[in-house]
Protein backbone atom coordinates (compact mmCIF):
# COMPACT_ATOMS: atom_id res chain seq x y z
CA MET A 1 50.26 38.75 100.93
CA SER A 2 49.74 35.15 99.85
CA ASP A 3 46.00 35.02 100.63
CA VAL A 4 45.35 37.55 97.84
CA THR A 5 46.80 35.49 95.02
CA PRO A 6 44.25 32.89 93.90
CA GLU A 7 44.22 32.72 90.13
CA GLY A 8 41.77 31.93 87.36
CA ALA A 9 38.83 29.79 88.37
CA GLU A 10 39.77 30.13 92.03
CA LEU A 11 38.76 33.80 91.91
CA ASP A 12 35.38 32.88 90.44
CA GLU A 13 34.74 30.65 93.46
CA LEU A 14 35.17 33.48 95.97
CA SER A 15 32.15 35.34 97.34
CA THR A 16 31.56 38.84 96.07
CA ARG A 17 32.34 40.19 99.54
CA GLU A 18 35.68 38.35 99.59
CA LEU A 19 36.58 39.55 96.08
CA HIS A 20 35.80 43.12 97.12
CA GLU A 21 37.86 42.86 100.31
CA ARG A 22 40.84 41.28 98.55
CA ALA A 23 40.80 43.84 95.75
CA MET A 24 40.52 46.73 98.21
CA ASN A 25 43.31 45.32 100.40
CA LEU A 26 45.54 44.92 97.35
CA ALA A 27 44.74 48.46 96.19
CA ARG A 28 45.65 49.76 99.67
CA GLU A 29 48.93 47.86 99.63
CA ARG A 30 49.76 49.18 96.18
CA HIS A 31 48.50 52.72 96.99
CA ASP A 32 46.42 52.27 93.83
CA VAL A 33 44.11 55.27 93.75
CA GLY A 34 43.42 54.49 90.08
CA PHE A 35 41.63 51.26 91.00
CA VAL A 36 39.52 53.06 93.60
CA TRP A 37 38.60 55.68 91.01
CA ASP A 38 37.74 52.94 88.47
CA LEU A 39 35.52 51.32 91.09
CA LEU A 40 33.76 54.59 91.89
CA ARG A 41 33.12 55.16 88.17
CA ALA A 42 31.83 51.58 87.75
CA ILE A 43 29.25 51.72 90.56
CA PRO A 44 26.60 53.71 88.64
CA ALA A 45 26.83 51.35 85.65
CA ALA A 46 26.67 48.33 87.97
CA ALA A 47 23.56 49.79 89.59
CA ALA A 48 22.03 50.32 86.14
CA ALA A 49 22.83 46.70 85.25
CA THR A 50 20.72 45.62 88.21
CA GLY A 51 17.75 47.60 86.90
CA GLU A 52 18.38 50.84 88.77
CA VAL A 53 18.72 52.89 85.59
CA GLY A 54 18.22 56.21 87.38
CA ARG A 55 21.54 55.71 89.18
CA ALA A 56 23.49 55.20 85.96
CA GLU A 57 24.40 58.85 85.50
CA PHE A 58 27.42 60.01 87.48
CA ASP A 59 26.32 63.20 89.19
CA LEU A 60 28.86 65.01 91.32
CA PHE A 61 26.06 66.48 93.42
CA HIS A 62 25.31 62.96 94.57
CA GLY A 63 28.90 62.23 95.55
CA LEU A 64 28.01 61.44 99.15
CA SER A 65 25.54 58.76 98.12
CA LEU A 66 28.16 57.35 95.74
CA LEU A 67 30.65 57.18 98.61
CA GLU A 68 28.03 55.34 100.67
CA GLU A 69 27.57 52.88 97.82
CA PHE A 70 31.36 52.53 97.64
CA THR A 71 31.45 51.31 101.24
CA HIS A 72 28.97 48.56 100.31
CA ALA A 73 30.36 47.76 96.85
CA GLY A 74 31.03 44.16 97.85
CA GLU A 75 27.41 43.42 98.71
CA GLY A 76 24.14 42.66 96.95
CA GLU A 77 23.34 42.92 93.28
CA VAL A 78 25.63 45.90 92.70
CA GLY A 79 28.50 43.96 94.25
CA ASP A 80 27.71 41.02 92.00
CA ALA A 81 27.75 43.33 88.97
CA LEU A 82 31.21 44.55 90.04
CA ARG A 83 32.67 41.02 90.33
CA PRO A 84 34.40 41.18 86.90
CA LEU A 85 36.21 44.36 87.96
CA TYR A 86 37.48 42.71 91.16
CA ILE A 87 38.50 39.50 89.38
CA GLU A 88 40.33 41.39 86.64
CA TYR A 89 42.19 43.54 89.15
CA LEU A 90 43.20 40.63 91.35
CA ALA A 91 44.24 38.45 88.41
CA GLU A 92 46.33 41.25 86.93
CA HIS A 93 48.00 42.61 90.05
CA ALA A 94 47.99 39.99 92.82
CA LYS A 95 50.55 37.74 91.11
CA GLY A 96 53.49 39.84 92.21
CA THR A 97 52.49 40.18 95.86
């Protein structure tokens, strides 16, 4: 998929939504459950980085709300806090696609 391979500074220029979509599409193509798990684990810390400290603790009883956040992980302040994760994943894995 050639539209998933921008490198370096080009990734920084993409919107958070586009980074999220490209990273998720690449993870789907690669059947990369590990990336999805890394993203799920990063959401609480990203929320805390935006000032929502109460959401920083991963609580399995709140799994449904975490899944809801996962569906919107390319939006808003939390999405912006996750940008480095998307950029790192795309830079590392999109080269071979």
